[in-house]
Amino acid sequence: MINFQDEIKRFKPSLDVDDIEDTITGIDLTDMNDLMLQMVQETAKRSARAAAVSVPAEPDAVPMMDGFTEL
C-alpha cells in the first residue's frame, strides 16, 4: 500500500517544469482570434483613409451601370 506521508516527504519538484513554464509564458502566441482582430482593425483603417480622400468628379463624367465612369 502507498504511504502518502512518505511520498510527500520524498517529493522534489522538477526543475524542468519551472523552466518550461517560464519559456511558454514568455512567448507571444498569436491565435486565430488575434489574427482576425488585426485584420478587422487594418480594414477599418483603410476604409477611414479611403473615405478621407476626396476625388474631384469630372463634369462630363456619366455614371455607368457597372460602377465605372464613362468619359
PDB file of N, CA and C in Angstrom:
ATOM      1  N   MET A   1       0.841  -1.178   0.000  1.00  0.00           N
ATOM      2  CA  MET A   1       0.000   0.000   0.000  1.00  0.00           C
ATOM      3  C   MET A   1       0.889   1.246   0.000  1.00  0.00           C
ATOM      4  N   ILE A   2       0.423   2.302  -0.625  1.00  0.00           N
ATOM      5  CA  ILE A   2       1.200   3.540  -0.740  1.00  0.00           C
ATOM      6  C   ILE A   2       1.031   4.358   0.532  1.00  0.00           C
ATOM      7  N   ASN A   3       2.151   4.768   1.097  1.00  0.00           N
ATOM      8  CA  ASN A   3       2.136   5.644   2.260  1.00  0.00           C
ATOM      9  C   ASN A   3       2.336   7.070   1.744  1.00  0.00           C
ATOM     10  N   PHE A   4       1.265   7.827   1.709  1.00  0.00           N
ATOM     11  CA  PHE A   4       1.302   9.159   1.123  1.00  0.00           C
ATOM     12  C   PHE A   4       2.186  10.121   1.909  1.00  0.00           C
ATOM     13  N   GLN A   5       2.267   9.944   3.204  1.00  0.00           N
ATOM     14  CA  GLN A   5       3.124  10.811   4.016  1.00  0.00           C
ATOM     15  C   GLN A   5       4.585  10.644   3.625  1.00  0.00           C
ATOM     16  N   ASP A   6       5.018   9.393   3.412  1.00  0.00           N
ATOM     17  CA  ASP A   6       6.396   9.145   2.973  1.00  0.00           C
ATOM     18  C   ASP A   6       6.633   9.700   1.570  1.00  0.00           C
ATOM     19  N   GLU A   7       5.643   9.554   0.694  1.00  0.00           N
ATOM     20  CA  GLU A   7       5.774  10.052  -0.674  1.00  0.00           C
ATOM     21  C   GLU A   7       5.896  11.578  -0.682  1.00  0.00           C
ATOM     22  N   ILE A   8       5.128  12.243   0.149  1.00  0.00           N
ATOM     23  CA  ILE A   8       5.188  13.705   0.217  1.00  0.00           C
ATOM     24  C   ILE A   8       6.536  14.155   0.755  1.00  0.00           C
ATOM     25  N   LYS A   9       7.092  13.446   1.707  1.00  0.00           N
ATOM     26  CA  LYS A   9       8.402  13.794   2.268  1.00  0.00           C
ATOM     27  C   LYS A   9       9.501  13.663   1.218  1.00  0.00           C
ATOM     28  N   ARG A  10       9.382  12.673   0.338  1.00  0.00           N
ATOM     29  CA  ARG A  10      10.410  12.436  -0.686  1.00  0.00           C
ATOM     30  C   ARG A  10      10.191  13.265  -1.951  1.00  0.00           C
ATOM     31  N   PHE A  11       9.074  13.950  -2.019  1.00  0.00           N
ATOM     32  CA  PHE A  11       8.747  14.715  -3.228  1.00  0.00           C
ATOM     33  C   PHE A  11       9.735  15.854  -3.445  1.00  0.00           C
ATOM     34  N   LYS A  12      10.238  15.962  -4.681  1.00  0.00           N
ATOM     35  CA  LYS A  12      11.091  17.078  -5.105  1.00  0.00           C
ATOM     36  C   LYS A  12      10.518  17.604  -6.414  1.00  0.00           C
ATOM     37  N   PRO A  13      10.191  18.886  -6.463  1.00  0.00           N
ATOM     38  CA  PRO A  13       9.628  19.413  -7.716  1.00  0.00           C
ATOM     39  C   PRO A  13      10.661  19.367  -8.843  1.00  0.00           C
ATOM     40  N   SER A  14      10.171  19.132 -10.018  1.00  0.00           N
ATOM     41  CA  SER A  14      11.036  19.073 -11.193  1.00  0.00           C
ATOM     42  C   SER A  14      11.442  20.476 -11.615  1.00  0.00           C
ATOM     43  N   LEU A  15      12.717  20.689 -11.790  1.00  0.00           N
ATOM     44  CA  LEU A  15      13.209  21.996 -12.230  1.00  0.00           C
ATOM     45  C   LEU A  15      12.849  22.253 -13.691  1.00  0.00           C
ATOM     46  N   ASP A  16      12.730  21.185 -14.468  1.00  0.00           N
ATOM     47  CA  ASP A  16      12.389  21.337 -15.882  1.00  0.00           C
ATOM     48  C   ASP A  16      11.016  21.974 -16.060  1.00  0.00           C
ATOM     49  N   VAL A  17      10.084  21.632 -15.198  1.00  0.00           N
ATOM     50  CA  VAL A  17       8.733  22.184 -15.307  1.00  0.00           C
ATOM     51  C   VAL A  17       8.762  23.697 -15.126  1.00  0.00           C
ATOM     52  N   ASP A  18       9.523  24.180 -14.161  1.00  0.00           N
ATOM     53  CA  ASP A  18       9.619  25.634 -13.957  1.00  0.00           C
ATOM     54  C   ASP A  18      10.256  26.316 -15.160  1.00  0.00           C
ATOM     55  N   ASP A  19      11.298  25.696 -15.717  1.00  0.00           N
ATOM     56  CA  ASP A  19      11.947  26.272 -16.893  1.00  0.00           C
ATOM     57  C   ASP A  19      11.000  26.317 -18.084  1.00  0.00           C
ATOM     58  N   ILE A  20      10.263  25.248 -18.285  1.00  0.00           N
ATOM     59  CA  ILE A  20       9.327  25.190 -19.406  1.00  0.00           C
ATOM     60  C   ILE A  20       8.215  26.211 -19.219  1.00  0.00           C
ATOM     61  N   GLU A  21       7.716  26.338 -17.989  1.00  0.00           N
ATOM     62  CA  GLU A  21       6.658  27.309 -17.721  1.00  0.00           C
ATOM     63  C   GLU A  21       7.118  28.727 -18.038  1.00  0.00           C
ATOM     64  N   ASP A  22       8.347  29.081 -17.645  1.00  0.00           N
ATOM     65  CA  ASP A  22       8.880  30.408 -17.942  1.00  0.00           C
ATOM     66  C   ASP A  22       9.017  30.624 -19.444  1.00  0.00           C
ATOM     67  N   THR A  23       9.436  29.598 -20.148  1.00  0.00           N
ATOM     68  CA  THR A  23       9.605  29.700 -21.594  1.00  0.00           C
ATOM     69  C   THR A  23       8.259  29.875 -22.287  1.00  0.00           C
ATOM     70  N   ILE A  24       7.288  29.090 -21.886  1.00  0.00           N
ATOM     71  CA  ILE A  24       5.973  29.151 -22.536  1.00  0.00           C
ATOM     72  C   ILE A  24       5.290  30.478 -22.267  1.00  0.00           C
ATOM     73  N   THR A  25       5.330  30.966 -21.041  1.00  0.00           N
ATOM     74  CA  THR A  25       4.656  32.224 -20.732  1.00  0.00           C
ATOM     75  C   THR A  25       5.381  33.416 -21.328  1.00  0.00           C
ATOM     76  N   GLY A  26       6.651  33.254 -21.678  1.00  0.00           N
ATOM     77  CA  GLY A  26       7.412  34.352 -22.267  1.00  0.00           C
ATOM     78  C   GLY A  26       7.220  34.492 -23.764  1.00  0.00           C
ATOM     79  N   ILE A  27       6.598  33.509 -24.393  1.00  0.00           N
ATOM     80  CA  ILE A  27       6.409  33.528 -25.847  1.00  0.00           C
ATOM     81  C   ILE A  27       5.088  34.217 -26.168  1.00  0.00           C
ATOM     82  N   ASP A  28       5.122  35.090 -27.158  1.00  0.00           N
ATOM     83  CA  ASP A  28       3.901  35.766 -27.608  1.00  0.00           C
ATOM     84  C   ASP A  28       3.211  34.854 -28.626  1.00  0.00           C
ATOM     85  N   LEU A  29       2.162  34.183 -28.194  1.00  0.00           N
ATOM     86  CA  LEU A  29       1.434  33.277 -29.066  1.00  0.00           C
ATOM     87  C   LEU A  29       0.258  34.015 -29.691  1.00  0.00           C
ATOM     88  N   THR A  30       0.154  33.967 -30.999  1.00  0.00           N
ATOM     89  CA  THR A  30      -0.943  34.599 -31.714  1.00  0.00           C
ATOM     90  C   THR A  30      -1.914  33.511 -32.148  1.00  0.00           C
ATOM     91  N   ASP A  31      -3.175  33.664 -31.787  1.00  0.00           N
ATOM     92  CA  ASP A  31      -4.169  32.695 -32.204  1.00  0.00           C
ATOM     93  C   ASP A  31      -5.065  33.303 -33.286  1.00  0.00           C
ATOM     94  N   MET A  32      -6.020  32.522 -33.759  1.00  0.00           N
ATOM     95  CA  MET A  32      -6.883  32.980 -34.845  1.00  0.00           C
ATOM     96  C   MET A  32      -7.685  34.222 -34.446  1.00  0.00           C
ATOM     97  N   ASN A  33      -8.095  34.303 -33.196  1.00  0.00           N
ATOM     98  CA  ASN A  33      -8.849  35.478 -32.754  1.00  0.00           C
ATOM     99  C   ASN A  33      -7.992  36.734 -32.883  1.00  0.00           C
ATOM    100  N   ASP A  34      -6.717  36.659 -32.485  1.00  0.00           N
ATOM    101  CA  ASP A  34      -5.821  37.808 -32.618  1.00  0.00           C
ATOM    102  C   ASP A  34      -5.645  38.202 -34.081  1.00  0.00           C
ATOM    103  N   LEU A  35      -5.511  37.207 -34.956  1.00  0.00           N
ATOM    104  CA  LEU A  35      -5.338  37.490 -36.385  1.00  0.00           C
ATOM    105  C   LEU A  35      -6.581  38.154 -36.967  1.00  0.00           C
ATOM    106  N   MET A  36      -7.756  37.659 -36.597  1.00  0.00           N
ATOM    107  CA  MET A  36      -8.995  38.246 -37.109  1.00  0.00           C
ATOM    108  C   MET A  36      -9.169  39.684 -36.614  1.00  0.00           C
ATOM    109  N   LEU A  37      -8.869  39.936 -35.340  1.00  0.00           N
ATOM    110  CA  LEU A  37      -8.966  41.299 -34.815  1.00  0.00           C
ATOM    111  C   LEU A  37      -8.017  42.237 -35.545  1.00  0.00           C
ATOM    112  N   GLN A  38      -6.815  41.760 -35.822  1.00  0.00           N
ATOM    113  CA  GLN A  38      -5.839  42.577 -36.539  1.00  0.00           C
ATOM    114  C   GLN A  38      -6.337  42.890 -37.948  1.00  0.00           C
ATOM    115  N   MET A  39      -6.910  41.898 -38.631  1.00  0.00           N
ATOM    116  CA  MET A  39      -7.424  42.124 -39.986  1.00  0.00           C
ATOM    117  C   MET A  39      -8.581  43.117 -39.980  1.00  0.00           C
ATOM    118  N   VAL A  40      -9.466  43.016 -38.994  1.00  0.00           N
ATOM    119  CA  VAL A  40     -10.600  43.936 -38.911  1.00  0.00           C
ATOM    120  C   VAL A  40     -10.104  45.355 -38.659  1.00  0.00           C
ATOM    121  N   GLN A  41      -9.119  45.504 -37.779  1.00  0.00           N
ATOM    122  CA  GLN A  41      -8.578  46.835 -37.493  1.00  0.00           C
ATOM    123  C   GLN A  41      -7.906  47.437 -38.716  1.00  0.00           C
ATOM    124  N   GLU A  42      -7.148  46.628 -39.457  1.00  0.00           N
ATOM    125  CA  GLU A  42      -6.487  47.131 -40.663  1.00  0.00           C
ATOM    126  C   GLU A  42      -7.519  47.525 -41.714  1.00  0.00           C
ATOM    127  N   THR A  43      -8.568  46.749 -41.859  1.00  0.00           N
ATOM    128  CA  THR A  43      -9.615  47.068 -42.821  1.00  0.00           C
ATOM    129  C   THR A  43     -10.319  48.369 -42.440  1.00  0.00           C
ATOM    130  N   ALA A  44     -10.578  48.556 -41.159  1.00  0.00           N
ATOM    131  CA  ALA A  44     -11.227  49.790 -40.700  1.00  0.00           C
ATOM    132  C   ALA A  44     -10.337  50.998 -40.968  1.00  0.00           C
ATOM    133  N   LYS A  45      -9.036  50.843 -40.751  1.00  0.00           N
ATOM    134  CA  LYS A  45      -8.102  51.943 -41.017  1.00  0.00           C
ATOM    135  C   LYS A  45      -8.084  52.290 -42.504  1.00  0.00           C
ATOM    136  N   ARG A  46      -8.063  51.264 -43.361  1.00  0.00           N
ATOM    137  CA  ARG A  46      -8.055  51.508 -44.808  1.00  0.00           C
ATOM    138  C   ARG A  46      -9.342  52.193 -45.252  1.00  0.00           C
ATOM    139  N   SER A  47     -10.462  51.762 -44.691  1.00  0.00           N
ATOM    140  CA  SER A  47     -11.748  52.369 -45.042  1.00  0.00           C
ATOM    141  C   SER A  47     -11.793  53.831 -44.615  1.00  0.00           C
ATOM    142  N   ALA A  48     -11.250  54.113 -43.439  1.00  0.00           N
ATOM    143  CA  ALA A  48     -11.235  55.504 -42.945  1.00  0.00           C
ATOM    144  C   ALA A  48     -10.345  56.365 -43.828  1.00  0.00           C
ATOM    145  N   ARG A  49      -9.198  55.814 -44.260  1.00  0.00           N
ATOM    146  CA  ARG A  49      -8.304  56.575 -45.141  1.00  0.00           C
ATOM    147  C   ARG A  49      -8.952  56.798 -46.499  1.00  0.00           C
ATOM    148  N   ALA A  50      -9.638  55.782 -47.018  1.00  0.00           N
ATOM    149  CA  ALA A  50     -10.279  55.903 -48.327  1.00  0.00           C
ATOM    150  C   ALA A  50     -11.418  56.917 -48.270  1.00  0.00           C
ATOM    151  N   ALA A  51     -12.134  56.976 -47.169  1.00  0.00           N
ATOM    152  CA  ALA A  51     -13.230  57.933 -47.031  1.00  0.00           C
ATOM    153  C   ALA A  51     -12.704  59.353 -46.890  1.00  0.00           C
ATOM    154  N   ALA A  52     -11.507  59.500 -46.344  1.00  0.00           N
ATOM    155  CA  ALA A  52     -10.930  60.827 -46.145  1.00  0.00           C
ATOM    156  C   ALA A  52     -10.390  61.421 -47.444  1.00  0.00           C
ATOM    157  N   VAL A  53     -10.081  60.571 -48.408  1.00  0.00           N
ATOM    158  CA  VAL A  53      -9.535  61.053 -49.686  1.00  0.00           C
ATOM    159  C   VAL A  53     -10.697  61.456 -50.574  1.00  0.00           C
ATOM    160  N   SER A  54     -10.708  62.705 -51.000  1.00  0.00           N
ATOM    161  CA  SER A  54     -11.779  63.162 -51.886  1.00  0.00           C
ATOM    162  C   SER A  54     -11.249  63.224 -53.309  1.00  0.00           C
ATOM    163  N   VAL A  55     -12.019  62.647 -54.206  1.00  0.00           N
ATOM    164  CA  VAL A  55     -11.643  62.643 -55.613  1.00  0.00           C
ATOM    165  C   VAL A  55     -12.592  63.596 -56.332  1.00  0.00           C
ATOM    166  N   PRO A  56     -12.048  64.632 -56.976  1.00  0.00           N
ATOM    167  CA  PRO A  56     -12.939  65.567 -57.675  1.00  0.00           C
ATOM    168  C   PRO A  56     -13.625  64.874 -58.852  1.00  0.00           C
ATOM    169  N   ALA A  57     -14.918  65.091 -58.959  1.00  0.00           N
ATOM    170  CA  ALA A  57     -15.677  64.488 -60.058  1.00  0.00           C
ATOM    171  C   ALA A  57     -15.449  65.307 -61.333  1.00  0.00           C
ATOM    172  N   GLU A  58     -15.387  64.613 -62.446  1.00  0.00           N
ATOM    173  CA  GLU A  58     -15.235  65.288 -63.727  1.00  0.00           C
ATOM    174  C   GLU A  58     -16.620  65.742 -64.190  1.00  0.00           C
ATOM    175  N   PRO A  59     -16.745  66.946 -64.671  1.00  0.00           N
ATOM    176  CA  PRO A  59     -18.069  67.451 -65.043  1.00  0.00           C
ATOM    177  C   PRO A  59     -18.723  66.678 -66.179  1.00  0.00           C
ATOM    178  N   ASP A  60     -17.938  66.102 -67.086  1.00  0.00           N
ATOM    179  CA  ASP A  60     -18.512  65.387 -68.222  1.00  0.00           C
ATOM    180  C   ASP A  60     -18.696  63.898 -67.942  1.00  0.00           C
ATOM    181  N   ALA A  61     -18.379  63.466 -66.757  1.00  0.00           N
ATOM    182  CA  ALA A  61     -18.441  62.037 -66.450  1.00  0.00           C
ATOM    183  C   ALA A  61     -19.888  61.591 -66.295  1.00  0.00           C
ATOM    184  N   VAL A  62     -20.184  60.455 -66.903  1.00  0.00           N
ATOM    185  CA  VAL A  62     -21.523  59.881 -66.819  1.00  0.00           C
ATOM    186  C   VAL A  62     -21.396  58.527 -66.122  1.00  0.00           C
ATOM    187  N   PRO A  63     -22.106  58.341 -65.007  1.00  0.00           N
ATOM    188  CA  PRO A  63     -22.000  57.051 -64.324  1.00  0.00           C
ATOM    189  C   PRO A  63     -22.591  55.929 -65.174  1.00  0.00           C
ATOM    190  N   MET A  64     -21.920  54.809 -65.187  1.00  0.00           N
ATOM    191  CA  MET A  64     -22.405  53.641 -65.926  1.00  0.00           C
ATOM    192  C   MET A  64     -23.008  52.647 -64.928  1.00  0.00           C
ATOM    193  N   MET A  65     -23.715  51.670 -65.434  1.00  0.00           N
ATOM    194  CA  MET A  65     -24.415  50.705 -64.581  1.00  0.00           C
ATOM    195  C   MET A  65     -23.465  49.822 -63.776  1.00  0.00           C
ATOM    196  N   ASP A  66     -22.265  49.544 -64.270  1.00  0.00           N
ATOM    197  CA  ASP A  66     -21.350  48.641 -63.583  1.00  0.00           C
ATOM    198  C   ASP A  66     -20.473  49.376 -62.574  1.00  0.00           C
ATOM    199  N   GLY A  67     -20.719  50.629 -62.326  1.00  0.00           N
ATOM    200  CA  GLY A  67     -19.957  51.379 -61.321  1.00  0.00           C
ATOM    201  C   GLY A  67     -18.779  52.146 -61.881  1.00  0.00           C
ATOM    202  N   PHE A  68     -18.446  51.933 -63.141  1.00  0.00           N
ATOM    203  CA  PHE A  68     -17.346  52.682 -63.757  1.00  0.00           C
ATOM    204  C   PHE A  68     -17.890  53.958 -64.364  1.00  0.00           C
ATOM    205  N   THR A  69     -17.009  54.874 -64.657  1.00  0.00           N
ATOM    206  CA  THR A  69     -17.430  56.145 -65.210  1.00  0.00           C
ATOM    207  C   THR A  69     -16.976  56.241 -66.655  1.00  0.00           C
ATOM    208  N   GLU A  70     -17.900  56.636 -67.505  1.00  0.00           N
ATOM    209  CA  GLU A  70     -17.575  56.802 -68.926  1.00  0.00           C
ATOM    210  C   GLU A  70     -17.230  58.270 -69.158  1.00  0.00           C
ATOM    211  N   LEU A  71     -16.159  58.515 -69.866  1.00  0.00           N
ATOM    212  CA  LEU A  71     -15.737  59.883 -70.150  1.00  0.00           C
ATOM    213  C   LEU A  71     -16.258  60.358 -71.476  1.00  0.00           C
TER     214      LEU A  71
END
